[in-house]
Amino acid sequence: MSDTSDEQIINILQTIKTIAVVGASPNPERAGHYVMAFLQARGYRTIPVNPGLEGRELLGERVYRDLASIPFAIDMVDVFRNSEAAGQVTDEAIVIGAKVVWMQLGVINAEAAARARAAGLQVVMDRCPKMEFSRLGRT
């Protein structure tokens, strides 16, 4: 569903440093946990966002309630929420000045993507960065 080219994805993965993981999970069997751990192992700083876990620590990082609560710049927002909720998350990503909104597998919100692109953000939908690393030979 994503119309993002392989070259664009490679560029995103090579240039971002800090990723907010919206919908981060403390459960190691959930994608919102193991994808975050995978990205950390690849050298990214991953910031968990989950209002139910606010103030706790997850994979060595403080958990924030929402994107606006993070007191430093975020390059990419990785959305582990449903397609409807992705709209609000995308709007928050625009407000905080993120460079990329990445909607996970099964998360598709064309209207939110259009708003993000109009605001100058890059958008990836219905893909997983962990899977893209493997698919693109980036290990």
N, C-alpha and C. Protein backbone atom coordinates (compact mmCIF):
# COMPACT_ATOMS: atom_id res chain seq x y z
N MET A 1 0.82 -1.20 0.00
CA MET A 1 0.00 0.00 0.00
C MET A 1 0.86 1.26 0.00
N SER A 2 2.03 1.18 0.60
CA SER A 2 2.91 2.34 0.65
C SER A 2 3.45 2.64 -0.74
N ASP A 3 3.47 3.91 -1.09
CA ASP A 3 4.03 4.30 -2.38
C ASP A 3 5.45 4.85 -2.22
N THR A 4 6.06 4.54 -1.10
CA THR A 4 7.42 4.98 -0.82
C THR A 4 8.40 4.03 -1.52
N SER A 5 9.34 4.61 -2.25
CA SER A 5 10.29 3.78 -2.99
C SER A 5 11.35 3.19 -2.06
N ASP A 6 12.01 2.16 -2.55
CA ASP A 6 13.11 1.57 -1.78
C ASP A 6 14.19 2.60 -1.50
N GLU A 7 14.48 3.45 -2.47
CA GLU A 7 15.50 4.48 -2.29
C GLU A 7 15.11 5.45 -1.18
N GLN A 8 13.82 5.82 -1.12
CA GLN A 8 13.36 6.71 -0.06
C GLN A 8 13.48 6.04 1.31
N ILE A 9 13.12 4.77 1.38
CA ILE A 9 13.21 4.05 2.65
C ILE A 9 14.66 3.94 3.10
N ILE A 10 15.56 3.61 2.18
CA ILE A 10 16.98 3.54 2.51
C ILE A 10 17.47 4.89 3.02
N ASN A 11 17.08 5.97 2.35
CA ASN A 11 17.48 7.31 2.77
C ASN A 11 16.96 7.62 4.17
N ILE A 12 15.71 7.27 4.44
CA ILE A 12 15.14 7.50 5.77
C ILE A 12 15.96 6.75 6.81
N LEU A 13 16.18 5.47 6.57
CA LEU A 13 16.88 4.64 7.55
C LEU A 13 18.34 5.08 7.75
N GLN A 14 18.93 5.71 6.74
CA GLN A 14 20.31 6.17 6.85
C GLN A 14 20.43 7.54 7.52
N THR A 15 19.36 8.33 7.51
CA THR A 15 19.49 9.72 7.98
C THR A 15 18.84 9.99 9.33
N ILE A 16 17.89 9.18 9.75
CA ILE A 16 17.26 9.43 11.04
C ILE A 16 18.13 8.90 12.18
N LYS A 17 17.96 9.48 13.35
CA LYS A 17 18.72 9.06 14.53
C LYS A 17 17.79 8.73 15.70
N THR A 18 16.72 9.50 15.86
CA THR A 18 15.84 9.38 17.02
C THR A 18 14.43 9.04 16.56
N ILE A 19 13.88 7.96 17.13
CA ILE A 19 12.57 7.45 16.73
C ILE A 19 11.65 7.39 17.94
N ALA A 20 10.49 8.04 17.85
CA ALA A 20 9.45 7.89 18.87
C ALA A 20 8.59 6.69 18.46
N VAL A 21 8.43 5.74 19.37
CA VAL A 21 7.65 4.53 19.11
C VAL A 21 6.30 4.69 19.81
N VAL A 22 5.29 5.11 19.06
CA VAL A 22 3.97 5.36 19.63
C VAL A 22 3.20 4.05 19.67
N GLY A 23 2.86 3.64 20.90
CA GLY A 23 2.25 2.34 21.09
C GLY A 23 3.28 1.32 21.54
N ALA A 24 4.40 1.82 22.08
CA ALA A 24 5.44 0.93 22.60
C ALA A 24 4.84 0.02 23.67
N SER A 25 5.33 -1.22 23.70
CA SER A 25 4.78 -2.21 24.62
C SER A 25 5.87 -2.81 25.50
N PRO A 26 5.55 -3.10 26.77
CA PRO A 26 6.50 -3.79 27.63
C PRO A 26 6.54 -5.30 27.38
N ASN A 27 5.62 -5.81 26.58
CA ASN A 27 5.53 -7.24 26.29
C ASN A 27 6.50 -7.60 25.16
N PRO A 28 7.54 -8.40 25.45
CA PRO A 28 8.55 -8.74 24.43
C PRO A 28 7.98 -9.46 23.20
N GLU A 29 6.78 -10.01 23.30
CA GLU A 29 6.17 -10.71 22.17
C GLU A 29 5.38 -9.78 21.24
N ARG A 30 5.23 -8.54 21.63
CA ARG A 30 4.48 -7.58 20.81
C ARG A 30 5.44 -6.80 19.91
N ALA A 31 4.97 -6.49 18.72
CA ALA A 31 5.80 -5.76 17.77
C ALA A 31 6.25 -4.41 18.33
N GLY A 32 5.41 -3.75 19.12
CA GLY A 32 5.76 -2.48 19.73
C GLY A 32 6.89 -2.58 20.73
N HIS A 33 7.34 -3.77 21.00
CA HIS A 33 8.51 -3.99 21.86
C HIS A 33 9.70 -4.48 21.03
N TYR A 34 9.50 -5.59 20.31
CA TYR A 34 10.67 -6.18 19.65
C TYR A 34 11.17 -5.36 18.46
N VAL A 35 10.30 -4.59 17.81
CA VAL A 35 10.78 -3.69 16.74
C VAL A 35 11.60 -2.56 17.36
N MET A 36 11.12 -2.06 18.50
CA MET A 36 11.87 -1.02 19.20
C MET A 36 13.26 -1.53 19.59
N ALA A 37 13.33 -2.74 20.13
CA ALA A 37 14.61 -3.34 20.51
C ALA A 37 15.51 -3.54 19.29
N PHE A 38 14.93 -3.98 18.19
CA PHE A 38 15.69 -4.17 16.95
C PHE A 38 16.30 -2.85 16.49
N LEU A 39 15.50 -1.78 16.51
CA LEU A 39 15.99 -0.48 16.06
C LEU A 39 17.10 0.04 16.99
N GLN A 40 16.94 -0.20 18.30
CA GLN A 40 18.00 0.18 19.23
C GLN A 40 19.30 -0.55 18.90
N ALA A 41 19.18 -1.84 18.60
CA ALA A 41 20.36 -2.65 18.29
C ALA A 41 21.04 -2.17 17.00
N ARG A 42 20.33 -1.44 16.17
CA ARG A 42 20.89 -0.88 14.94
C ARG A 42 21.43 0.53 15.15
N GLY A 43 21.42 1.01 16.38
CA GLY A 43 22.04 2.30 16.69
C GLY A 43 21.10 3.48 16.80
N TYR A 44 19.81 3.27 16.64
CA TYR A 44 18.86 4.37 16.77
C TYR A 44 18.52 4.58 18.24
N ARG A 45 18.22 5.80 18.60
CA ARG A 45 17.65 6.06 19.92
C ARG A 45 16.14 5.96 19.76
N THR A 46 15.53 5.06 20.48
CA THR A 46 14.08 4.85 20.39
C THR A 46 13.43 5.33 21.68
N ILE A 47 12.42 6.15 21.54
CA ILE A 47 11.72 6.75 22.67
C ILE A 47 10.32 6.17 22.74
N PRO A 48 10.00 5.43 23.80
CA PRO A 48 8.67 4.83 23.90
C PRO A 48 7.60 5.87 24.27
N VAL A 49 6.45 5.76 23.60
CA VAL A 49 5.31 6.63 23.87
C VAL A 49 4.12 5.73 24.16
N ASN A 50 3.62 5.83 25.39
CA ASN A 50 2.46 5.04 25.81
C ASN A 50 1.91 5.67 27.08
N PRO A 51 0.73 6.30 27.03
CA PRO A 51 0.22 7.00 28.21
C PRO A 51 0.03 6.09 29.42
N GLY A 52 -0.23 4.82 29.22
CA GLY A 52 -0.41 3.90 30.33
C GLY A 52 0.87 3.54 31.05
N LEU A 53 2.00 3.84 30.43
CA LEU A 53 3.31 3.52 31.02
C LEU A 53 4.13 4.78 31.32
N GLU A 54 3.50 5.94 31.22
CA GLU A 54 4.21 7.21 31.38
C GLU A 54 5.08 7.22 32.63
N GLY A 55 6.32 7.68 32.45
CA GLY A 55 7.25 7.82 33.56
C GLY A 55 8.04 6.56 33.88
N ARG A 56 7.61 5.44 33.38
CA ARG A 56 8.36 4.19 33.60
C ARG A 56 9.53 4.13 32.62
N GLU A 57 10.27 3.05 32.69
CA GLU A 57 11.39 2.84 31.77
C GLU A 57 11.11 1.61 30.93
N LEU A 58 11.40 1.71 29.64
CA LEU A 58 11.23 0.59 28.72
C LEU A 58 12.46 0.53 27.84
N LEU A 59 13.13 -0.59 27.85
CA LEU A 59 14.35 -0.78 27.07
C LEU A 59 15.35 0.34 27.30
N GLY A 60 15.44 0.78 28.56
CA GLY A 60 16.43 1.78 28.94
C GLY A 60 16.05 3.21 28.69
N GLU A 61 14.85 3.46 28.20
CA GLU A 61 14.40 4.83 27.90
C GLU A 61 13.14 5.15 28.70
N ARG A 62 13.02 6.40 29.11
CA ARG A 62 11.82 6.86 29.79
C ARG A 62 10.64 6.83 28.83
N VAL A 63 9.48 6.42 29.34
CA VAL A 63 8.26 6.38 28.54
C VAL A 63 7.52 7.72 28.69
N TYR A 64 7.10 8.27 27.57
CA TYR A 64 6.35 9.54 27.55
C TYR A 64 4.89 9.27 27.22
N ARG A 65 4.02 10.16 27.69
CA ARG A 65 2.58 9.99 27.49
C ARG A 65 2.15 10.29 26.05
N ASP A 66 2.83 11.26 25.42
CA ASP A 66 2.51 11.64 24.05
C ASP A 66 3.73 12.31 23.42
N LEU A 67 3.64 12.59 22.14
CA LEU A 67 4.79 13.16 21.44
C LEU A 67 5.16 14.54 21.97
N ALA A 68 4.16 15.34 22.33
CA ALA A 68 4.42 16.69 22.82
C ALA A 68 5.19 16.70 24.14
N SER A 69 5.16 15.61 24.88
CA SER A 69 5.85 15.53 26.18
C SER A 69 7.34 15.25 26.04
N ILE A 70 7.79 14.84 24.88
CA ILE A 70 9.20 14.52 24.68
C ILE A 70 9.98 15.83 24.58
N PRO A 71 10.97 16.03 25.47
CA PRO A 71 11.64 17.34 25.54
C PRO A 71 12.82 17.52 24.57
N PHE A 72 12.87 16.74 23.51
CA PHE A 72 13.95 16.88 22.54
C PHE A 72 13.41 16.50 21.17
N ALA A 73 14.21 16.78 20.14
CA ALA A 73 13.76 16.57 18.76
C ALA A 73 13.64 15.08 18.43
N ILE A 74 12.63 14.77 17.66
CA ILE A 74 12.36 13.42 17.16
C ILE A 74 12.45 13.46 15.64
N ASP A 75 13.22 12.55 15.06
CA ASP A 75 13.34 12.49 13.60
C ASP A 75 12.17 11.74 12.96
N MET A 76 11.80 10.60 13.58
CA MET A 76 10.78 9.75 12.99
C MET A 76 9.79 9.30 14.06
N VAL A 77 8.52 9.23 13.68
CA VAL A 77 7.48 8.70 14.56
C VAL A 77 7.02 7.38 13.96
N ASP A 78 7.22 6.30 14.71
CA ASP A 78 6.83 4.96 14.29
C ASP A 78 5.51 4.64 14.97
N VAL A 79 4.45 4.41 14.18
CA VAL A 79 3.09 4.32 14.70
C VAL A 79 2.64 2.87 14.83
N PHE A 80 2.54 2.41 16.08
CA PHE A 80 1.99 1.10 16.41
C PHE A 80 0.59 1.27 16.99
N ARG A 81 -0.26 1.97 16.25
CA ARG A 81 -1.65 2.18 16.65
C ARG A 81 -2.49 1.84 15.43
N ASN A 82 -3.81 1.79 15.59
CA ASN A 82 -4.66 1.44 14.45
C ASN A 82 -4.73 2.60 13.46
N SER A 83 -5.29 2.32 12.29
CA SER A 83 -5.32 3.31 11.21
C SER A 83 -6.04 4.59 11.61
N GLU A 84 -7.13 4.46 12.36
CA GLU A 84 -7.86 5.65 12.79
C GLU A 84 -7.02 6.50 13.73
N ALA A 85 -6.41 5.88 14.72
CA ALA A 85 -5.58 6.60 15.69
C ALA A 85 -4.34 7.21 15.04
N ALA A 86 -3.92 6.64 13.93
CA ALA A 86 -2.74 7.16 13.23
C ALA A 86 -2.95 8.60 12.77
N GLY A 87 -4.19 9.00 12.56
CA GLY A 87 -4.46 10.38 12.15
C GLY A 87 -4.03 11.38 13.21
N GLN A 88 -4.43 11.15 14.45
CA GLN A 88 -4.05 12.04 15.55
C GLN A 88 -2.55 11.99 15.79
N VAL A 89 -1.97 10.80 15.73
CA VAL A 89 -0.52 10.68 15.94
C VAL A 89 0.23 11.45 14.85
N THR A 90 -0.24 11.35 13.63
CA THR A 90 0.38 12.08 12.52
C THR A 90 0.29 13.58 12.75
N ASP A 91 -0.87 14.06 13.18
CA ASP A 91 -1.01 15.49 13.46
C ASP A 91 -0.05 15.93 14.56
N GLU A 92 0.14 15.10 15.58
CA GLU A 92 1.09 15.42 16.64
C GLU A 92 2.53 15.42 16.09
N ALA A 93 2.82 14.50 15.19
CA ALA A 93 4.16 14.45 14.58
C ALA A 93 4.45 15.72 13.79
N ILE A 94 3.43 16.24 13.11
CA ILE A 94 3.59 17.50 12.37
C ILE A 94 3.91 18.62 13.34
N VAL A 95 3.15 18.71 14.44
CA VAL A 95 3.32 19.78 15.42
C VAL A 95 4.72 19.76 16.04
N ILE A 96 5.26 18.58 16.34
CA ILE A 96 6.58 18.53 16.99
C ILE A 96 7.74 18.67 16.00
N GLY A 97 7.43 18.71 14.71
CA GLY A 97 8.48 18.90 13.71
C GLY A 97 9.24 17.65 13.33
N ALA A 98 8.60 16.49 13.47
CA ALA A 98 9.24 15.25 13.02
C ALA A 98 9.49 15.32 11.52
N LYS A 99 10.44 14.54 11.05
CA LYS A 99 10.75 14.51 9.62
C LYS A 99 10.02 13.40 8.89
N VAL A 100 9.68 12.32 9.63
CA VAL A 100 9.09 11.13 9.02
C VAL A 100 7.97 10.60 9.92
N VAL A 101 6.88 10.16 9.28
CA VAL A 101 5.85 9.38 9.95
C VAL A 101 5.87 8.01 9.30
N TRP A 102 6.06 6.98 10.11
CA TRP A 102 6.12 5.61 9.61
C TRP A 102 4.97 4.84 10.24
N MET A 103 4.01 4.44 9.43
CA MET A 103 2.87 3.66 9.92
C MET A 103 3.15 2.18 9.69
N GLN A 104 3.02 1.40 10.75
CA GLN A 104 3.38 -0.01 10.73
C GLN A 104 2.48 -0.84 9.80
N LEU A 105 2.81 -2.10 9.65
CA LEU A 105 2.02 -3.03 8.83
C LEU A 105 0.55 -2.96 9.24
N GLY A 106 -0.31 -2.83 8.26
CA GLY A 106 -1.75 -2.78 8.50
C GLY A 106 -2.25 -1.41 8.88
N VAL A 107 -1.38 -0.45 9.08
CA VAL A 107 -1.79 0.91 9.46
C VAL A 107 -1.75 1.78 8.21
N ILE A 108 -2.95 2.16 7.77
CA ILE A 108 -3.10 2.94 6.54
C ILE A 108 -4.08 4.07 6.80
N ASN A 109 -3.63 5.30 6.61
CA ASN A 109 -4.49 6.46 6.76
C ASN A 109 -4.06 7.48 5.71
N ALA A 110 -4.70 7.41 4.56
CA ALA A 110 -4.32 8.26 3.43
C ALA A 110 -4.50 9.74 3.72
N GLU A 111 -5.55 10.08 4.46
CA GLU A 111 -5.79 11.49 4.78
C GLU A 111 -4.67 12.03 5.67
N ALA A 112 -4.28 11.25 6.68
CA ALA A 112 -3.19 11.67 7.56
C ALA A 112 -1.88 11.77 6.78
N ALA A 113 -1.66 10.82 5.89
CA ALA A 113 -0.45 10.86 5.06
C ALA A 113 -0.41 12.12 4.21
N ALA A 114 -1.55 12.49 3.65
CA ALA A 114 -1.61 13.71 2.83
C ALA A 114 -1.31 14.95 3.67
N ARG A 115 -1.84 15.00 4.88
CA ARG A 115 -1.56 16.15 5.78
C ARG A 115 -0.07 16.21 6.10
N ALA A 116 0.52 15.05 6.39
CA ALA A 116 1.94 15.02 6.72
C ALA A 116 2.79 15.47 5.54
N ARG A 117 2.49 14.94 4.36
CA ARG A 117 3.27 15.33 3.18
C ARG A 117 3.12 16.82 2.89
N ALA A 118 1.91 17.35 3.06
CA ALA A 118 1.67 18.78 2.85
C ALA A 118 2.49 19.63 3.82
N ALA A 119 2.77 19.07 5.00
CA ALA A 119 3.57 19.77 6.01
C ALA A 119 5.07 19.52 5.84
N GLY A 120 5.45 18.74 4.80
CA GLY A 120 6.85 18.52 4.50
C GLY A 120 7.46 17.26 5.09
N LEU A 121 6.64 16.39 5.68
CA LEU A 121 7.15 15.15 6.25
C LEU A 121 7.17 14.05 5.19
N GLN A 122 8.08 13.11 5.34
CA GLN A 122 8.05 11.90 4.54
C GLN A 122 7.12 10.92 5.23
N VAL A 123 6.46 10.08 4.45
CA VAL A 123 5.49 9.14 5.01
C VAL A 123 5.74 7.74 4.44
N VAL A 124 5.72 6.77 5.34
CA VAL A 124 5.75 5.36 4.96
C VAL A 124 4.53 4.73 5.62
N MET A 125 3.74 3.99 4.84
CA MET A 125 2.55 3.33 5.38
C MET A 125 2.60 1.84 5.11
N ASP A 126 2.01 1.09 6.04
CA ASP A 126 1.80 -0.34 5.87
C ASP A 126 3.11 -1.10 5.66
N ARG A 127 4.14 -0.68 6.39
CA ARG A 127 5.44 -1.35 6.33
C ARG A 127 6.05 -1.36 7.72
N CYS A 128 7.00 -2.25 7.92
CA CYS A 128 7.70 -2.36 9.20
C CYS A 128 9.19 -2.10 8.96
N PRO A 129 9.80 -1.17 9.72
CA PRO A 129 11.22 -0.89 9.48
C PRO A 129 12.10 -2.13 9.70
N LYS A 130 11.75 -2.98 10.65
CA LYS A 130 12.53 -4.20 10.88
C LYS A 130 12.53 -5.08 9.64
N MET A 131 11.36 -5.25 9.05
CA MET A 131 11.25 -6.06 7.83
C MET A 131 11.94 -5.39 6.65
N GLU A 132 11.90 -4.08 6.59
CA GLU A 132 12.55 -3.35 5.50
C GLU A 132 14.07 -3.50 5.59
N PHE A 133 14.64 -3.50 6.77
CA PHE A 133 16.07 -3.75 6.92
C PHE A 133 16.44 -5.06 6.25
N SER A 134 15.69 -6.11 6.58
CA SER A 134 15.98 -7.43 6.01
C SER A 134 15.74 -7.46 4.51
N ARG A 135 14.61 -6.93 4.08
CA ARG A 135 14.25 -6.96 2.67
C ARG A 135 15.27 -6.20 1.82
N LEU A 136 15.79 -5.12 2.34
CA LEU A 136 16.72 -4.28 1.58
C LEU A 136 18.18 -4.66 1.82
N GLY A 137 18.39 -5.77 2.54
CA GLY A 137 19.75 -6.26 2.75
C GLY A 137 20.57 -5.41 3.70
N ARG A 138 19.89 -4.74 4.62
CA ARG A 138 20.60 -3.87 5.55
C ARG A 138 20.93 -4.55 6.87
N THR A 139 20.46 -5.75 7.08
CA THR A 139 20.62 -6.55 8.32
C THR A 139 20.56 -5.75 9.54
